[in-house]
Amino acid sequence: MAVPVLFDLRPKERIEELYDFRDELNKLIACYRDGRIAVILGIRRMGKSSLLRSFLNIMEYHIY
């Protein structure tokens, strides 16, 4: 098993690669299950795209 690189410039695409985003990921999953709309906001390079891509990879159906 390869060790994930935390400070890679490319967005992460797997949950295992995320660092300290478990609460945010759980909130995003809860919004999805409840049928609510979620908005991911934050300053540059905080991991917004990584969070979204990781979330979408665990969902069965999605549009990106």
PDB file of N, CA and C in Angstrom:
ATOM      1  N   MET A   1       0.853  -1.190   0.000  1.00  0.00           N
ATOM      2  CA  MET A   1       0.000   0.000   0.000  1.00  0.00           C
ATOM      3  C   MET A   1       0.886   1.237   0.000  1.00  0.00           C
ATOM      4  N   ALA A   2       0.604   2.131  -0.901  1.00  0.00           N
ATOM      5  CA  ALA A   2       1.398   3.352  -1.015  1.00  0.00           C
ATOM      6  C   ALA A   2       0.986   4.355   0.057  1.00  0.00           C
ATOM      7  N   VAL A   3       1.937   5.100   0.535  1.00  0.00           N
ATOM      8  CA  VAL A   3       1.677   6.143   1.523  1.00  0.00           C
ATOM      9  C   VAL A   3       1.223   7.395   0.782  1.00  0.00           C
ATOM     10  N   PRO A   4       0.067   7.991   1.148  1.00  0.00           N
ATOM     11  CA  PRO A   4      -0.402   9.188   0.441  1.00  0.00           C
ATOM     12  C   PRO A   4       0.508  10.386   0.707  1.00  0.00           C
ATOM     13  N   VAL A   5       0.658  11.184  -0.317  1.00  0.00           N
ATOM     14  CA  VAL A   5       1.433  12.411  -0.198  1.00  0.00           C
ATOM     15  C   VAL A   5       0.464  13.519   0.174  1.00  0.00           C
ATOM     16  N   LEU A   6       0.646  14.107   1.338  1.00  0.00           N
ATOM     17  CA  LEU A   6      -0.324  15.092   1.836  1.00  0.00           C
ATOM     18  C   LEU A   6      -0.259  16.424   1.099  1.00  0.00           C
ATOM     19  N   PHE A   7       0.913  16.808   0.643  1.00  0.00           N
ATOM     20  CA  PHE A   7       1.054  18.134   0.055  1.00  0.00           C
ATOM     21  C   PHE A   7       1.310  18.076  -1.438  1.00  0.00           C
ATOM     22  N   ASP A   8       0.623  17.152  -2.111  1.00  0.00           N
ATOM     23  CA  ASP A   8       0.672  17.063  -3.554  1.00  0.00           C
ATOM     24  C   ASP A   8      -0.154  18.216  -4.118  1.00  0.00           C
ATOM     25  N   LEU A   9       0.221  18.737  -5.270  1.00  0.00           N
ATOM     26  CA  LEU A   9      -0.492  19.871  -5.851  1.00  0.00           C
ATOM     27  C   LEU A   9      -1.821  19.479  -6.480  1.00  0.00           C
ATOM     28  N   ARG A  10      -1.977  18.208  -6.826  1.00  0.00           N
ATOM     29  CA  ARG A  10      -3.223  17.760  -7.440  1.00  0.00           C
ATOM     30  C   ARG A  10      -4.267  17.456  -6.372  1.00  0.00           C
ATOM     31  N   PRO A  11      -5.556  17.684  -6.688  1.00  0.00           N
ATOM     32  CA  PRO A  11      -6.603  17.339  -5.720  1.00  0.00           C
ATOM     33  C   PRO A  11      -6.637  15.839  -5.444  1.00  0.00           C
ATOM     34  N   LYS A  12      -6.921  15.481  -4.219  1.00  0.00           N
ATOM     35  CA  LYS A  12      -7.039  14.080  -3.825  1.00  0.00           C
ATOM     36  C   LYS A  12      -8.355  13.539  -4.372  1.00  0.00           C
ATOM     37  N   GLU A  13      -8.396  12.233  -4.607  1.00  0.00           N
ATOM     38  CA  GLU A  13      -9.617  11.645  -5.150  1.00  0.00           C
ATOM     39  C   GLU A  13     -10.131  10.473  -4.331  1.00  0.00           C
ATOM     40  N   ARG A  14      -9.425  10.112  -3.269  1.00  0.00           N
ATOM     41  CA  ARG A  14      -9.845   9.001  -2.426  1.00  0.00           C
ATOM     42  C   ARG A  14      -9.931   9.469  -0.977  1.00  0.00           C
ATOM     43  N   ILE A  15     -10.843   8.860  -0.237  1.00  0.00           N
ATOM     44  CA  ILE A  15     -11.036   9.228   1.163  1.00  0.00           C
ATOM     45  C   ILE A  15      -9.759   9.000   1.962  1.00  0.00           C
ATOM     46  N   GLU A  16      -9.043   7.949   1.625  1.00  0.00           N
ATOM     47  CA  GLU A  16      -7.818   7.618   2.357  1.00  0.00           C
ATOM     48  C   GLU A  16      -6.762   8.714   2.232  1.00  0.00           C
ATOM     49  N   GLU A  17      -6.834   9.505   1.187  1.00  0.00           N
ATOM     50  CA  GLU A  17      -5.852  10.560   0.957  1.00  0.00           C
ATOM     51  C   GLU A  17      -6.197  11.869   1.671  1.00  0.00           C
ATOM     52  N   LEU A  18      -7.440  12.008   2.118  1.00  0.00           N
ATOM     53  CA  LEU A  18      -7.849  13.243   2.790  1.00  0.00           C
ATOM     54  C   LEU A  18      -7.207  13.330   4.169  1.00  0.00           C
ATOM     55  N   TYR A  19      -6.890  14.540   4.559  1.00  0.00           N
ATOM     56  CA  TYR A  19      -6.292  14.766   5.869  1.00  0.00           C
ATOM     57  C   TYR A  19      -7.217  15.665   6.680  1.00  0.00           C
ATOM     58  N   ASP A  20      -7.781  15.153   7.762  1.00  0.00           N
ATOM     59  CA  ASP A  20      -8.573  15.933   8.707  1.00  0.00           C
ATOM     60  C   ASP A  20      -9.832  16.557   8.091  1.00  0.00           C
ATOM     61  N   PHE A  21     -10.526  15.784   7.249  1.00  0.00           N
ATOM     62  CA  PHE A  21     -11.771  16.256   6.645  1.00  0.00           C
ATOM     63  C   PHE A  21     -12.935  15.320   6.961  1.00  0.00           C
ATOM     64  N   ARG A  22     -12.809  14.491   7.985  1.00  0.00           N
ATOM     65  CA  ARG A  22     -13.851  13.518   8.306  1.00  0.00           C
ATOM     66  C   ARG A  22     -15.172  14.189   8.677  1.00  0.00           C
ATOM     67  N   ASP A  23     -15.129  15.235   9.492  1.00  0.00           N
ATOM     68  CA  ASP A  23     -16.371  15.928   9.879  1.00  0.00           C
ATOM     69  C   ASP A  23     -17.057  16.536   8.665  1.00  0.00           C
ATOM     70  N   GLU A  24     -16.285  17.204   7.823  1.00  0.00           N
ATOM     71  CA  GLU A  24     -16.844  17.836   6.635  1.00  0.00           C
ATOM     72  C   GLU A  24     -17.417  16.797   5.687  1.00  0.00           C
ATOM     73  N   LEU A  25     -16.723  15.683   5.532  1.00  0.00           N
ATOM     74  CA  LEU A  25     -17.213  14.614   4.663  1.00  0.00           C
ATOM     75  C   LEU A  25     -18.507  14.033   5.210  1.00  0.00           C
ATOM     76  N   ASN A  26     -18.595  13.822   6.509  1.00  0.00           N
ATOM     77  CA  ASN A  26     -19.826  13.305   7.117  1.00  0.00           C
ATOM     78  C   ASN A  26     -20.982  14.276   6.957  1.00  0.00           C
ATOM     79  N   LYS A  27     -20.730  15.577   7.070  1.00  0.00           N
ATOM     80  CA  LYS A  27     -21.780  16.578   6.865  1.00  0.00           C
ATOM     81  C   LYS A  27     -22.251  16.581   5.414  1.00  0.00           C
ATOM     82  N   LEU A  28     -21.312  16.429   4.485  1.00  0.00           N
ATOM     83  CA  LEU A  28     -21.660  16.385   3.072  1.00  0.00           C
ATOM     84  C   LEU A  28     -22.506  15.155   2.754  1.00  0.00           C
ATOM     85  N   ILE A  29     -22.153  14.030   3.325  1.00  0.00           N
ATOM     86  CA  ILE A  29     -22.928  12.803   3.140  1.00  0.00           C
ATOM     87  C   ILE A  29     -24.328  12.956   3.733  1.00  0.00           C
ATOM     88  N   ALA A  30     -24.425  13.587   4.893  1.00  0.00           N
ATOM     89  CA  ALA A  30     -25.738  13.809   5.528  1.00  0.00           C
ATOM     90  C   ALA A  30     -26.615  14.710   4.664  1.00  0.00           C
ATOM     91  N   CYS A  31     -26.041  15.749   4.105  1.00  0.00           N
ATOM     92  CA  CYS A  31     -26.803  16.638   3.205  1.00  0.00           C
ATOM     93  C   CYS A  31     -27.313  15.873   1.996  1.00  0.00           C
ATOM     94  N   TYR A  32     -26.453  15.044   1.434  1.00  0.00           N
ATOM     95  CA  TYR A  32     -26.831  14.254   0.266  1.00  0.00           C
ATOM     96  C   TYR A  32     -27.982  13.305   0.596  1.00  0.00           C
ATOM     97  N   ARG A  33     -27.880  12.622   1.710  1.00  0.00           N
ATOM     98  CA  ARG A  33     -28.919  11.658   2.094  1.00  0.00           C
ATOM     99  C   ARG A  33     -30.249  12.336   2.407  1.00  0.00           C
ATOM    100  N   ASP A  34     -30.187  13.562   2.944  1.00  0.00           N
ATOM    101  CA  ASP A  34     -31.410  14.300   3.275  1.00  0.00           C
ATOM    102  C   ASP A  34     -31.995  15.035   2.077  1.00  0.00           C
ATOM    103  N   GLY A  35     -31.282  15.028   0.945  1.00  0.00           N
ATOM    104  CA  GLY A  35     -31.757  15.722  -0.244  1.00  0.00           C
ATOM    105  C   GLY A  35     -31.539  17.220  -0.199  1.00  0.00           C
ATOM    106  N   ARG A  36     -30.640  17.662   0.654  1.00  0.00           N
ATOM    107  CA  ARG A  36     -30.350  19.095   0.762  1.00  0.00           C
ATOM    108  C   ARG A  36     -29.207  19.483  -0.168  1.00  0.00           C
ATOM    109  N   ILE A  37     -29.114  20.752  -0.475  1.00  0.00           N
ATOM    110  CA  ILE A  37     -28.029  21.288  -1.293  1.00  0.00           C
ATOM    111  C   ILE A  37     -26.901  21.707  -0.364  1.00  0.00           C
ATOM    112  N   ALA A  38     -25.679  21.347  -0.722  1.00  0.00           N
ATOM    113  CA  ALA A  38     -24.504  21.716   0.073  1.00  0.00           C
ATOM    114  C   ALA A  38     -23.607  22.616  -0.762  1.00  0.00           C
ATOM    115  N   VAL A  39     -23.040  23.601  -0.111  1.00  0.00           N
ATOM    116  CA  VAL A  39     -22.096  24.509  -0.753  1.00  0.00           C
ATOM    117  C   VAL A  39     -20.766  24.365  -0.024  1.00  0.00           C
ATOM    118  N   ILE A  40     -19.708  24.141  -0.785  1.00  0.00           N
ATOM    119  CA  ILE A  40     -18.370  23.996  -0.202  1.00  0.00           C
ATOM    120  C   ILE A  40     -17.621  25.298  -0.436  1.00  0.00           C
ATOM    121  N   LEU A  41     -17.361  26.005   0.651  1.00  0.00           N
ATOM    122  CA  LEU A  41     -16.676  27.302   0.573  1.00  0.00           C
ATOM    123  C   LEU A  41     -15.374  27.268   1.364  1.00  0.00           C
ATOM    124  N   GLY A  42     -14.427  28.066   0.948  1.00  0.00           N
ATOM    125  CA  GLY A  42     -13.165  28.163   1.669  1.00  0.00           C
ATOM    126  C   GLY A  42     -12.156  28.951   0.851  1.00  0.00           C
ATOM    127  N   ILE A  43     -11.079  29.313   1.497  1.00  0.00           N
ATOM    128  CA  ILE A  43     -10.036  30.058   0.791  1.00  0.00           C
ATOM    129  C   ILE A  43      -9.247  29.106  -0.104  1.00  0.00           C
ATOM    130  N   ARG A  44      -8.407  29.666  -0.934  1.00  0.00           N
ATOM    131  CA  ARG A  44      -7.609  28.890  -1.878  1.00  0.00           C
ATOM    132  C   ARG A  44      -6.791  27.809  -1.178  1.00  0.00           C
ATOM    133  N   ARG A  45      -6.702  26.651  -1.849  1.00  0.00           N
ATOM    134  CA  ARG A  45      -5.811  25.565  -1.448  1.00  0.00           C
ATOM    135  C   ARG A  45      -6.131  24.975  -0.069  1.00  0.00           C
ATOM    136  N   MET A  46      -7.410  24.999   0.293  1.00  0.00           N
ATOM    137  CA  MET A  46      -7.823  24.429   1.582  1.00  0.00           C
ATOM    138  C   MET A  46      -8.294  22.985   1.457  1.00  0.00           C
ATOM    139  N   GLY A  47      -8.546  22.527   0.221  1.00  0.00           N
ATOM    140  CA  GLY A  47      -8.970  21.150   0.019  1.00  0.00           C
ATOM    141  C   GLY A  47     -10.410  20.993  -0.435  1.00  0.00           C
ATOM    142  N   LYS A  48     -11.003  22.054  -0.953  1.00  0.00           N
ATOM    143  CA  LYS A  48     -12.401  21.985  -1.388  1.00  0.00           C
ATOM    144  C   LYS A  48     -12.584  20.960  -2.512  1.00  0.00           C
ATOM    145  N   SER A  49     -11.739  21.027  -3.521  1.00  0.00           N
ATOM    146  CA  SER A  49     -11.840  20.084  -4.645  1.00  0.00           C
ATOM    147  C   SER A  49     -11.546  18.659  -4.193  1.00  0.00           C
ATOM    148  N   SER A  50     -10.586  18.482  -3.320  1.00  0.00           N
ATOM    149  CA  SER A  50     -10.271  17.156  -2.806  1.00  0.00           C
ATOM    150  C   SER A  50     -11.440  16.576  -2.034  1.00  0.00           C
ATOM    151  N   LEU A  51     -12.089  17.397  -1.229  1.00  0.00           N
ATOM    152  CA  LEU A  51     -13.258  16.954  -0.474  1.00  0.00           C
ATOM    153  C   LEU A  51     -14.368  16.538  -1.426  1.00  0.00           C
ATOM    154  N   LEU A  52     -14.640  17.355  -2.426  1.00  0.00           N
ATOM    155  CA  LEU A  52     -15.705  17.055  -3.381  1.00  0.00           C
ATOM    156  C   LEU A  52     -15.389  15.798  -4.189  1.00  0.00           C
ATOM    157  N   ARG A  53     -14.195  15.673  -4.708  1.00  0.00           N
ATOM    158  CA  ARG A  53     -13.830  14.511  -5.515  1.00  0.00           C
ATOM    159  C   ARG A  53     -13.868  13.221  -4.690  1.00  0.00           C
ATOM    160  N   SER A  54     -13.405  13.283  -3.471  1.00  0.00           N
ATOM    161  CA  SER A  54     -13.449  12.111  -2.603  1.00  0.00           C
ATOM    162  C   SER A  54     -14.894  11.708  -2.309  1.00  0.00           C
ATOM    163  N   PHE A  55     -15.732  12.703  -2.059  1.00  0.00           N
ATOM    164  CA  PHE A  55     -17.147  12.447  -1.815  1.00  0.00           C
ATOM    165  C   PHE A  55     -17.801  11.799  -3.038  1.00  0.00           C
ATOM    166  N   LEU A  56     -17.529  12.344  -4.207  1.00  0.00           N
ATOM    167  CA  LEU A  56     -18.143  11.820  -5.420  1.00  0.00           C
ATOM    168  C   LEU A  56     -17.678  10.400  -5.737  1.00  0.00           C
ATOM    169  N   ASN A  57     -16.469  10.066  -5.374  1.00  0.00           N
ATOM    170  CA  ASN A  57     -15.974   8.720  -5.635  1.00  0.00           C
ATOM    171  C   ASN A  57     -16.643   7.652  -4.779  1.00  0.00           C
ATOM    172  N   ILE A  58     -17.218   8.047  -3.644  1.00  0.00           N
ATOM    173  CA  ILE A  58     -17.918   7.056  -2.826  1.00  0.00           C
ATOM    174  C   ILE A  58     -19.410   6.983  -3.156  1.00  0.00           C
ATOM    175  N   MET A  59     -19.925   7.951  -3.922  1.00  0.00           N
ATOM    176  CA  MET A  59     -21.327   7.960  -4.310  1.00  0.00           C
ATOM    177  C   MET A  59     -21.520   7.109  -5.563  1.00  0.00           C
ATOM    178  N   GLU A  60     -22.664   6.448  -5.653  1.00  0.00           N
ATOM    179  CA  GLU A  60     -22.914   5.590  -6.792  1.00  0.00           C
ATOM    180  C   GLU A  60     -23.197   6.398  -8.055  1.00  0.00           C
ATOM    181  N   TYR A  61     -24.017   7.438  -7.937  1.00  0.00           N
ATOM    182  CA  TYR A  61     -24.370   8.272  -9.071  1.00  0.00           C
ATOM    183  C   TYR A  61     -23.996   9.709  -8.745  1.00  0.00           C
ATOM    184  N   HIS A  62     -23.407  10.392  -9.720  1.00  0.00           N
ATOM    185  CA  HIS A  62     -23.081  11.792  -9.506  1.00  0.00           C
ATOM    186  C   HIS A  62     -22.811  12.490 -10.826  1.00  0.00           C
ATOM    187  N   ILE A  63     -22.872  13.796 -10.789  1.00  0.00           N
ATOM    188  CA  ILE A  63     -22.527  14.653 -11.925  1.00  0.00           C
ATOM    189  C   ILE A  63     -21.477  15.617 -11.425  1.00  0.00           C
ATOM    190  N   TYR A  64     -20.407  15.759 -12.175  1.00  0.00           N
ATOM    191  CA  TYR A  64     -19.323  16.666 -11.770  1.00  0.00           C
ATOM    192  C   TYR A  64     -19.166  17.752 -12.792  1.00  0.00           C
TER     193      TYR A  64
END
